[in-house]
Protein backbone atom coordinates (compact mmCIF):
# COMPACT_ATOMS: atom_id res chain seq x y z
CA MET A 1 2.76 25.70 -35.86
CA GLN A 2 0.40 25.72 -32.91
CA GLN A 3 1.51 25.94 -29.30
CA ALA A 4 0.27 22.40 -28.64
CA SER A 5 2.76 21.08 -31.19
CA TYR A 6 5.69 22.46 -29.19
CA VAL A 7 4.31 20.79 -26.09
CA GLU A 8 3.99 17.54 -28.04
CA VAL A 9 7.61 17.80 -29.21
CA TYR A 10 8.80 18.55 -25.67
CA LYS A 11 6.92 15.59 -24.18
CA TRP A 12 8.25 13.26 -26.89
CA ALA A 13 11.83 14.46 -26.41
CA TYR A 14 11.57 14.25 -22.61
CA ALA A 15 10.26 10.67 -22.78
CA LEU A 16 13.04 9.82 -25.23
CA ALA A 17 15.68 11.38 -22.98
CA SER A 18 14.35 9.49 -19.97
CA LYS A 19 14.56 6.23 -21.93
CA ILE A 20 18.15 7.00 -22.97
CA LEU A 21 19.09 7.80 -19.37
CA GLU A 22 17.60 4.51 -18.15
CA SER A 23 19.20 2.32 -20.78
CA GLU A 24 22.46 4.03 -21.74
CA GLY A 25 23.17 6.66 -19.13
CA ASP A 26 23.89 10.33 -18.74
CA LYS A 27 26.98 10.40 -20.98
CA ARG A 28 25.09 9.03 -24.00
CA LEU A 29 22.37 11.67 -23.67
CA ARG A 30 24.98 14.42 -23.36
CA ASP A 31 26.74 13.10 -26.47
CA LEU A 32 23.42 13.19 -28.34
CA TYR A 33 22.76 16.74 -27.14
CA TYR A 34 26.15 17.98 -28.32
CA ALA A 35 25.83 16.18 -31.66
CA ILE A 36 22.55 17.88 -32.60
CA ARG A 37 22.69 21.32 -31.00
CA GLY A 38 24.88 22.87 -33.71
CA GLU A 39 22.62 22.01 -36.63
CA GLU A 40 20.99 25.18 -37.96
CA THR A 41 18.66 23.87 -40.66
CA PRO A 42 15.62 21.62 -40.19
CA GLY A 43 16.82 18.91 -42.59
CA ARG A 44 20.31 18.67 -41.13
CA PHE A 45 18.91 18.74 -37.59
CA TYR A 46 16.52 15.89 -38.35
CA ASN A 47 19.19 13.85 -40.14
CA SER A 48 21.65 14.31 -37.29
CA LEU A 49 19.00 13.41 -34.71
CA ALA A 50 17.87 10.34 -36.68
CA LYS A 51 21.47 9.17 -37.18
CA GLU A 52 22.31 9.53 -33.49
CA LEU A 53 19.09 7.82 -32.39
CA GLY A 54 19.70 5.00 -34.86
CA ASP A 55 22.89 4.19 -32.99
CA LEU A 56 21.03 3.54 -29.73
CA ARG A 57 20.59 -0.01 -28.51
CA PHE A 58 16.81 0.32 -28.32
CA ALA A 59 16.44 2.19 -31.64
CA ASP A 60 13.83 -0.17 -33.04
CA GLY A 61 11.34 1.13 -30.46
CA LEU A 62 11.73 4.82 -31.33
CA GLU A 63 9.17 7.03 -32.99
CA VAL A 64 11.58 9.57 -34.49
CA TYR A 65 10.45 8.78 -38.03
CA GLY A 66 6.89 9.69 -37.12
CA LYS A 67 8.16 13.13 -36.10
CA ARG A 68 9.81 13.84 -39.44
CA ASP A 69 7.14 16.26 -40.66
CA LEU A 70 7.14 18.12 -37.38
CA LEU A 71 10.93 18.41 -37.37
CA THR A 72 11.60 19.16 -41.04
CA HIS A 73 8.61 21.22 -42.20
CA THR A 74 9.35 24.13 -39.94
CA GLN A 75 11.03 27.37 -40.89
CA GLY A 76 12.53 30.34 -39.13
CA ASP A 77 11.33 30.88 -35.61
CA SER A 78 9.17 27.77 -35.72
CA PHE A 79 12.20 25.55 -36.36
CA HIS A 80 14.17 27.22 -33.59
CA LEU A 81 11.29 26.71 -31.16
CA VAL A 82 11.05 23.01 -32.05
CA LYS A 83 14.82 22.65 -31.67
CA ALA A 84 14.73 24.52 -28.35
CA ALA A 85 11.92 22.27 -27.08
CA ILE A 86 13.97 19.16 -27.85
CA LEU A 87 17.19 20.48 -26.33
CA LEU A 88 15.37 21.81 -23.26
CA ALA A 89 13.68 18.45 -22.73
CA PHE A 90 17.09 16.73 -22.84
CA ILE A 91 18.54 19.18 -20.31
CA ASN A 92 15.54 18.88 -18.00
CA ALA A 93 15.66 15.08 -18.10
CA VAL A 94 19.34 15.10 -17.11
CA GLY A 95 18.62 17.58 -14.32
CA GLU A 96 15.75 15.53 -12.95
CA ASN A 97 17.84 12.37 -13.18
CA GLN A 98 20.62 14.02 -11.16
CA THR A 99 18.11 15.30 -8.61
CA LYS A 100 16.67 11.79 -8.18
CA GLY A 101 20.17 10.36 -7.79
CA ALA A 102 21.07 12.96 -5.15
CA GLY A 103 17.82 12.25 -3.29
CA GLU A 104 18.35 8.49 -3.27
CA GLY A 105 22.04 8.34 -2.51
CA GLY A 106 22.66 11.55 -0.61
CA ALA A 107 24.78 14.41 -1.86
CA GLN A 108 26.96 13.60 -4.82
């Protein structure tokens, strides 16, 4: 997998996380993070991610199914890099959301 693909995965996951934060809040994104982080094989990771995203209120607008090849046809280090990109994007989105909240409403 090329480096650009990891960037593409990160950007997709970050945009997804931002959308979840806007519509369903911090707790829902954290629940999603914890639900998928333990999956150690590409197929199980994808299935878990797709199942969790299918439960979201705005699920009909998601592009997770278009990412299936990228998420399931990876092996070894490549899979772990894709998984890390997704999880890192989720963490960064939560962190930025908290920073924005602290900046708007003072210290929390």
